Amino acid sequence: MRSEDHKAIKRVLETYVEAWGRHDLDAWAALFSEMCDFVTWSGVWWHSRAENRAGHGAIPDSIIAQMANYRLTVSAIRPLSSDTALVHAFWDWPAFELPGGGPEDRTGIITMVLARSDDHWLIRASHNTRIS
Protein backbone atom coordinates (compact mmCIF):
# COMPACT_ATOMS: atom_id res chain seq x y z
CA MET A 1 0.00 0.00 0.00
CA ARG A 2 1.33 3.40 -0.94
CA SER A 3 2.04 5.81 1.90
CA GLU A 4 -0.45 8.33 0.45
CA ASP A 5 -3.18 5.64 0.65
CA HIS A 6 -2.31 4.97 4.26
CA LYS A 7 -2.50 8.70 5.02
CA ALA A 8 -5.80 9.04 3.13
CA ILE A 9 -7.34 6.18 5.11
CA LYS A 10 -6.20 7.76 8.38
CA ARG A 11 -7.82 11.04 7.25
CA VAL A 12 -11.10 9.19 6.62
CA LEU A 13 -10.98 7.89 10.18
CA GLU A 14 -10.09 11.30 11.60
CA THR A 15 -13.05 12.79 9.73
CA TYR A 16 -15.21 9.94 11.02
CA VAL A 17 -14.43 10.91 14.63
CA GLU A 18 -14.71 14.67 13.98
CA ALA A 19 -18.09 14.37 12.24
CA TRP A 20 -19.37 12.00 14.93
CA GLY A 21 -18.24 14.37 17.67
CA ARG A 22 -20.13 17.26 16.04
CA HIS A 23 -23.15 15.01 15.44
CA ASP A 24 -22.85 15.84 11.75
CA LEU A 25 -24.38 12.58 10.58
CA ASP A 26 -24.57 13.72 6.95
CA ALA A 27 -20.79 14.24 6.84
CA TRP A 28 -20.28 11.03 8.84
CA ALA A 29 -22.51 8.95 6.54
CA ALA A 30 -20.79 10.37 3.45
CA LEU A 31 -17.67 8.44 4.52
CA PHE A 32 -19.50 5.17 3.76
CA SER A 33 -20.18 3.65 0.34
CA GLU A 34 -23.81 3.62 -0.81
CA MET A 35 -23.93 -0.14 -0.36
CA CYS A 36 -22.17 -0.59 2.97
CA ASP A 37 -22.65 -2.91 5.89
CA PHE A 38 -22.58 -1.67 9.48
CA VAL A 39 -22.93 -4.04 12.43
CA THR A 40 -23.50 -2.22 15.71
CA TRP A 41 -22.13 -3.26 19.09
CA SER A 42 -25.65 -4.50 19.94
CA GLY A 43 -25.85 -6.71 16.84
CA VAL A 44 -28.04 -4.57 14.57
CA TRP A 45 -26.98 -4.93 10.92
CA TRP A 46 -27.62 -2.09 8.47
CA HIS A 47 -27.12 -2.81 4.76
CA SER A 48 -26.73 0.60 3.15
CA ARG A 49 -25.53 4.15 3.77
CA ALA A 50 -29.15 5.27 4.11
CA GLU A 51 -29.98 2.60 6.73
CA ASN A 52 -26.77 3.36 8.61
CA ARG A 53 -27.51 7.11 8.60
CA ALA A 54 -31.13 6.60 9.67
CA GLY A 55 -30.22 4.15 12.41
CA HIS A 56 -27.58 6.41 13.88
CA GLY A 57 -29.93 9.37 13.47
CA ALA A 58 -32.32 7.76 15.95
CA ILE A 59 -29.85 8.23 18.81
CA PRO A 60 -31.43 9.94 21.85
CA ASP A 61 -30.51 13.57 22.55
CA SER A 62 -28.84 12.58 25.83
CA ILE A 63 -26.32 10.46 23.89
CA ILE A 64 -25.86 13.11 21.20
CA ALA A 65 -24.72 15.47 23.96
CA GLN A 66 -21.93 12.99 24.79
CA MET A 67 -20.65 12.38 21.25
CA ALA A 68 -17.69 14.74 21.60
CA ASN A 69 -16.25 12.35 24.23
CA TYR A 70 -15.80 9.52 21.67
CA ARG A 71 -12.21 8.70 20.67
CA LEU A 72 -10.75 6.30 18.13
CA THR A 73 -7.19 4.97 17.96
CA VAL A 74 -6.14 3.16 14.79
CA SER A 75 -4.30 -0.05 15.60
CA ALA A 76 -3.64 -1.40 12.10
CA ILE A 77 -4.23 -0.63 8.44
CA ARG A 78 -3.54 -3.63 6.22
CA PRO A 79 -3.93 -3.74 2.45
CA LEU A 80 -6.16 -6.48 1.06
CA SER A 81 -5.52 -5.34 -2.52
CA SER A 82 -4.45 -2.10 -4.17
CA ASP A 83 -8.02 -0.79 -3.74
CA THR A 84 -9.11 -2.28 -0.40
CA ALA A 85 -7.81 -2.12 3.14
CA LEU A 86 -8.63 -3.74 6.46
CA VAL A 87 -8.61 -1.41 9.47
CA HIS A 88 -8.75 -2.26 13.16
CA ALA A 89 -9.19 0.52 15.69
CA PHE A 90 -9.90 0.76 19.38
CA TRP A 91 -12.50 3.22 20.61
CA ASP A 92 -13.28 4.57 24.00
CA TRP A 93 -16.16 6.65 25.24
CA PRO A 94 -15.53 7.82 28.81
CA ALA A 95 -18.48 8.61 31.07
CA PHE A 96 -20.96 7.23 28.52
CA GLU A 97 -24.46 7.33 29.94
CA LEU A 98 -27.58 5.67 28.57
CA PRO A 99 -30.89 7.40 29.34
CA GLY A 100 -31.86 6.47 32.89
CA GLY A 101 -28.49 4.88 33.66
CA GLY A 102 -25.32 5.93 35.37
CA PRO A 103 -22.08 6.86 33.61
CA GLU A 104 -19.67 4.14 32.55
CA ASP A 105 -16.44 4.12 30.62
CA ARG A 106 -17.06 2.16 27.43
CA THR A 107 -14.43 0.69 25.15
CA GLY A 108 -14.48 -1.41 22.03
CA ILE A 109 -12.86 -2.39 18.79
CA ILE A 110 -14.10 -1.60 15.34
CA THR A 111 -13.13 -3.51 12.21
CA MET A 112 -13.60 -1.77 8.87
CA VAL A 113 -13.05 -2.56 5.23
CA LEU A 114 -12.32 0.52 3.14
CA ALA A 115 -12.43 0.56 -0.65
CA ARG A 116 -11.01 3.10 -3.05
CA SER A 117 -13.69 4.88 -5.05
CA ASP A 118 -12.15 6.95 -7.82
CA ASP A 119 -9.66 9.17 -5.98
CA HIS A 120 -10.87 8.67 -2.39
CA TRP A 121 -11.52 5.94 0.16
CA LEU A 122 -14.94 4.94 1.53
CA ILE A 123 -15.96 2.60 4.33
CA ARG A 124 -17.54 -0.49 2.75
CA ALA A 125 -18.07 -2.49 5.94
CA SER A 126 -17.84 -1.82 9.67
CA HIS A 127 -18.29 -4.12 12.64
CA ASN A 128 -18.34 -2.48 16.05
CA THR A 129 -17.74 -4.65 19.15
CA ARG A 130 -17.74 -3.59 22.79
CA ILE A 131 -15.02 -4.80 25.09
CA SER A 132 -16.39 -5.64 28.51
C-alpha atoms as a PDB file:
ATOM      1  CA  MET A   1       0.000   0.000   0.000  1.00  0.00           C
ATOM      2  CA  ARG A   2       1.328   3.398  -0.940  1.00  0.00           C
ATOM      3  CA  SER A   3       2.039   5.808   1.897  1.00  0.00           C
ATOM      4  CA  GLU A   4      -0.447   8.326   0.454  1.00  0.00           C
ATOM      5  CA  ASP A   5      -3.183   5.645   0.650  1.00  0.00           C
ATOM      6  CA  HIS A   6      -2.308   4.965   4.265  1.00  0.00           C
ATOM      7  CA  LYS A   7      -2.503   8.703   5.023  1.00  0.00           C
ATOM      8  CA  ALA A   8      -5.803   9.040   3.130  1.00  0.00           C
ATOM      9  CA  ILE A   9      -7.344   6.182   5.107  1.00  0.00           C
ATOM     10  CA  LYS A  10      -6.198   7.765   8.384  1.00  0.00           C
ATOM     11  CA  ARG A  11      -7.822  11.043   7.249  1.00  0.00           C
ATOM     12  CA  VAL A  12     -11.101   9.192   6.619  1.00  0.00           C
ATOM     13  CA  LEU A  13     -10.979   7.885  10.182  1.00  0.00           C
ATOM     14  CA  GLU A  14     -10.095  11.299  11.600  1.00  0.00           C
ATOM     15  CA  THR A  15     -13.047  12.792   9.725  1.00  0.00           C
ATOM     16  CA  TYR A  16     -15.212   9.935  11.018  1.00  0.00           C
ATOM     17  CA  VAL A  17     -14.427  10.910  14.635  1.00  0.00           C
ATOM     18  CA  GLU A  18     -14.711  14.671  13.983  1.00  0.00           C
ATOM     19  CA  ALA A  19     -18.090  14.375  12.244  1.00  0.00           C
ATOM     20  CA  TRP A  20     -19.367  11.999  14.933  1.00  0.00           C
ATOM     21  CA  GLY A  21     -18.242  14.369  17.674  1.00  0.00           C
ATOM     22  CA  ARG A  22     -20.128  17.261  16.037  1.00  0.00           C
ATOM     23  CA  HIS A  23     -23.150  15.012  15.437  1.00  0.00           C
ATOM     24  CA  ASP A  24     -22.852  15.837  11.747  1.00  0.00           C
ATOM     25  CA  LEU A  25     -24.375  12.583  10.576  1.00  0.00           C
ATOM     26  CA  ASP A  26     -24.568  13.718   6.953  1.00  0.00           C
ATOM     27  CA  ALA A  27     -20.789  14.243   6.844  1.00  0.00           C
ATOM     28  CA  TRP A  28     -20.275  11.033   8.837  1.00  0.00           C
ATOM     29  CA  ALA A  29     -22.508   8.952   6.542  1.00  0.00           C
ATOM     30  CA  ALA A  30     -20.786  10.371   3.447  1.00  0.00           C
ATOM     31  CA  LEU A  31     -17.666   8.437   4.518  1.00  0.00           C
ATOM     32  CA  PHE A  32     -19.504   5.170   3.759  1.00  0.00           C
ATOM     33  CA  SER A  33     -20.178   3.646   0.345  1.00  0.00           C
ATOM     34  CA  GLU A  34     -23.814   3.624  -0.812  1.00  0.00           C
ATOM     35  CA  MET A  35     -23.929  -0.142  -0.364  1.00  0.00           C
ATOM     36  CA  CYS A  36     -22.171  -0.591   2.965  1.00  0.00           C
ATOM     37  CA  ASP A  37     -22.653  -2.911   5.894  1.00  0.00           C
ATOM     38  CA  PHE A  38     -22.582  -1.668   9.482  1.00  0.00           C
ATOM     39  CA  VAL A  39     -22.933  -4.042  12.429  1.00  0.00           C
ATOM     40  CA  THR A  40     -23.505  -2.215  15.706  1.00  0.00           C
ATOM     41  CA  TRP A  41     -22.133  -3.258  19.088  1.00  0.00           C
ATOM     42  CA  SER A  42     -25.649  -4.495  19.945  1.00  0.00           C
ATOM     43  CA  GLY A  43     -25.854  -6.706  16.839  1.00  0.00           C
ATOM     44  CA  VAL A  44     -28.043  -4.566  14.568  1.00  0.00           C
ATOM     45  CA  TRP A  45     -26.984  -4.928  10.920  1.00  0.00           C
ATOM     46  CA  TRP A  46     -27.615  -2.091   8.469  1.00  0.00           C
ATOM     47  CA  HIS A  47     -27.118  -2.811   4.759  1.00  0.00           C
ATOM     48  CA  SER A  48     -26.726   0.602   3.151  1.00  0.00           C
ATOM     49  CA  ARG A  49     -25.530   4.149   3.768  1.00  0.00           C
ATOM     50  CA  ALA A  50     -29.151   5.270   4.106  1.00  0.00           C
ATOM     51  CA  GLU A  51     -29.979   2.602   6.727  1.00  0.00           C
ATOM     52  CA  ASN A  52     -26.765   3.362   8.605  1.00  0.00           C
ATOM     53  CA  ARG A  53     -27.515   7.107   8.601  1.00  0.00           C
ATOM     54  CA  ALA A  54     -31.127   6.599   9.667  1.00  0.00           C
ATOM     55  CA  GLY A  55     -30.220   4.149  12.412  1.00  0.00           C
ATOM     56  CA  HIS A  56     -27.579   6.407  13.885  1.00  0.00           C
ATOM     57  CA  GLY A  57     -29.931   9.365  13.467  1.00  0.00           C
ATOM     58  CA  ALA A  58     -32.324   7.765  15.953  1.00  0.00           C
ATOM     59  CA  ILE A  59     -29.850   8.233  18.808  1.00  0.00           C
ATOM     60  CA  PRO A  60     -31.431   9.941  21.855  1.00  0.00           C
ATOM     61  CA  ASP A  61     -30.507  13.570  22.554  1.00  0.00           C
ATOM     62  CA  SER A  62     -28.838  12.582  25.831  1.00  0.00           C
ATOM     63  CA  ILE A  63     -26.321  10.464  23.892  1.00  0.00           C
ATOM     64  CA  ILE A  64     -25.859  13.113  21.203  1.00  0.00           C
ATOM     65  CA  ALA A  65     -24.724  15.472  23.959  1.00  0.00           C
ATOM     66  CA  GLN A  66     -21.934  12.990  24.786  1.00  0.00           C
ATOM     67  CA  MET A  67     -20.651  12.381  21.246  1.00  0.00           C
ATOM     68  CA  ALA A  68     -17.687  14.738  21.602  1.00  0.00           C
ATOM     69  CA  ASN A  69     -16.247  12.349  24.228  1.00  0.00           C
ATOM     70  CA  TYR A  70     -15.804   9.521  21.673  1.00  0.00           C
ATOM     71  CA  ARG A  71     -12.215   8.705  20.674  1.00  0.00           C
ATOM     72  CA  LEU A  72     -10.752   6.304  18.127  1.00  0.00           C
ATOM     73  CA  THR A  73      -7.194   4.974  17.959  1.00  0.00           C
ATOM     74  CA  VAL A  74      -6.138   3.162  14.795  1.00  0.00           C
ATOM     75  CA  SER A  75      -4.301  -0.049  15.596  1.00  0.00           C
ATOM     76  CA  ALA A  76      -3.638  -1.404  12.100  1.00  0.00           C
ATOM     77  CA  ILE A  77      -4.231  -0.631   8.443  1.00  0.00           C
ATOM     78  CA  ARG A  78      -3.542  -3.628   6.223  1.00  0.00           C
ATOM     79  CA  PRO A  79      -3.926  -3.743   2.450  1.00  0.00           C
ATOM     80  CA  LEU A  80      -6.158  -6.482   1.057  1.00  0.00           C
ATOM     81  CA  SER A  81      -5.523  -5.337  -2.516  1.00  0.00           C
ATOM     82  CA  SER A  82      -4.452  -2.097  -4.169  1.00  0.00           C
ATOM     83  CA  ASP A  83      -8.019  -0.786  -3.736  1.00  0.00           C
ATOM     84  CA  THR A  84      -9.109  -2.283  -0.404  1.00  0.00           C
ATOM     85  CA  ALA A  85      -7.812  -2.123   3.143  1.00  0.00           C
ATOM     86  CA  LEU A  86      -8.634  -3.745   6.460  1.00  0.00           C
ATOM     87  CA  VAL A  87      -8.613  -1.414   9.471  1.00  0.00           C
ATOM     88  CA  HIS A  88      -8.746  -2.260  13.160  1.00  0.00           C
ATOM     89  CA  ALA A  89      -9.189   0.523  15.690  1.00  0.00           C
ATOM     90  CA  PHE A  90      -9.902   0.762  19.383  1.00  0.00           C
ATOM     91  CA  TRP A  91     -12.503   3.217  20.608  1.00  0.00           C
ATOM     92  CA  ASP A  92     -13.282   4.572  24.001  1.00  0.00           C
ATOM     93  CA  TRP A  93     -16.163   6.647  25.239  1.00  0.00           C
ATOM     94  CA  PRO A  94     -15.529   7.816  28.813  1.00  0.00           C
ATOM     95  CA  ALA A  95     -18.480   8.612  31.068  1.00  0.00           C
ATOM     96  CA  PHE A  96     -20.965   7.230  28.522  1.00  0.00           C
ATOM     97  CA  GLU A  97     -24.461   7.328  29.945  1.00  0.00           C
ATOM     98  CA  LEU A  98     -27.583   5.670  28.568  1.00  0.00           C
ATOM     99  CA  PRO A  99     -30.888   7.397  29.340  1.00  0.00           C
ATOM    100  CA  GLY A 100     -31.862   6.470  32.887  1.00  0.00           C
ATOM    101  CA  GLY A 101     -28.488   4.878  33.657  1.00  0.00           C
ATOM    102  CA  GLY A 102     -25.321   5.929  35.369  1.00  0.00           C
ATOM    103  CA  PRO A 103     -22.077   6.858  33.613  1.00  0.00           C
ATOM    104  CA  GLU A 104     -19.674   4.136  32.553  1.00  0.00           C
ATOM    105  CA  ASP A 105     -16.443   4.124  30.615  1.00  0.00           C
ATOM    106  CA  ARG A 106     -17.063   2.159  27.430  1.00  0.00           C
ATOM    107  CA  THR A 107     -14.435   0.690  25.148  1.00  0.00           C
ATOM    108  CA  GLY A 108     -14.475  -1.410  22.030  1.00  0.00           C
ATOM    109  CA  ILE A 109     -12.859  -2.394  18.789  1.00  0.00           C
ATOM    110  CA  ILE A 110     -14.097  -1.600  15.336  1.00  0.00           C
ATOM    111  CA  THR A 111     -13.131  -3.508  12.206  1.00  0.00           C
ATOM    112  CA  MET A 112     -13.595  -1.766   8.866  1.00  0.00           C
ATOM    113  CA  VAL A 113     -13.047  -2.558   5.228  1.00  0.00           C
ATOM    114  CA  LEU A 114     -12.319   0.522   3.137  1.00  0.00           C
ATOM    115  CA  ALA A 115     -12.429   0.563  -0.654  1.00  0.00           C
ATOM    116  CA  ARG A 116     -11.011   3.099  -3.046  1.00  0.00           C
ATOM    117  CA  SER A 117     -13.685   4.876  -5.045  1.00  0.00           C
ATOM    118  CA  ASP A 118     -12.149   6.945  -7.823  1.00  0.00           C
ATOM    119  CA  ASP A 119      -9.663   9.166  -5.977  1.00  0.00           C
ATOM    120  CA  HIS A 120     -10.868   8.666  -2.390  1.00  0.00           C
ATOM    121  CA  TRP A 121     -11.520   5.936   0.162  1.00  0.00           C
ATOM    122  CA  LEU A 122     -14.944   4.938   1.530  1.00  0.00           C
ATOM    123  CA  ILE A 123     -15.963   2.600   4.325  1.00  0.00           C
ATOM    124  CA  ARG A 124     -17.540  -0.493   2.754  1.00  0.00           C
ATOM    125  CA  ALA A 125     -18.069  -2.495   5.940  1.00  0.00           C
ATOM    126  CA  SER A 126     -17.838  -1.816   9.667  1.00  0.00           C
ATOM    127  CA  HIS A 127     -18.293  -4.118  12.640  1.00  0.00           C
ATOM    128  CA  ASN A 128     -18.338  -2.485  16.050  1.00  0.00           C
ATOM    129  CA  THR A 129     -17.739  -4.652  19.149  1.00  0.00           C
ATOM    130  CA  ARG A 130     -17.741  -3.590  22.788  1.00  0.00           C
ATOM    131  CA  ILE A 131     -15.020  -4.803  25.093  1.00  0.00           C
ATOM    132  CA  SER A 132     -16.391  -5.638  28.513  1.00  0.00           C
END
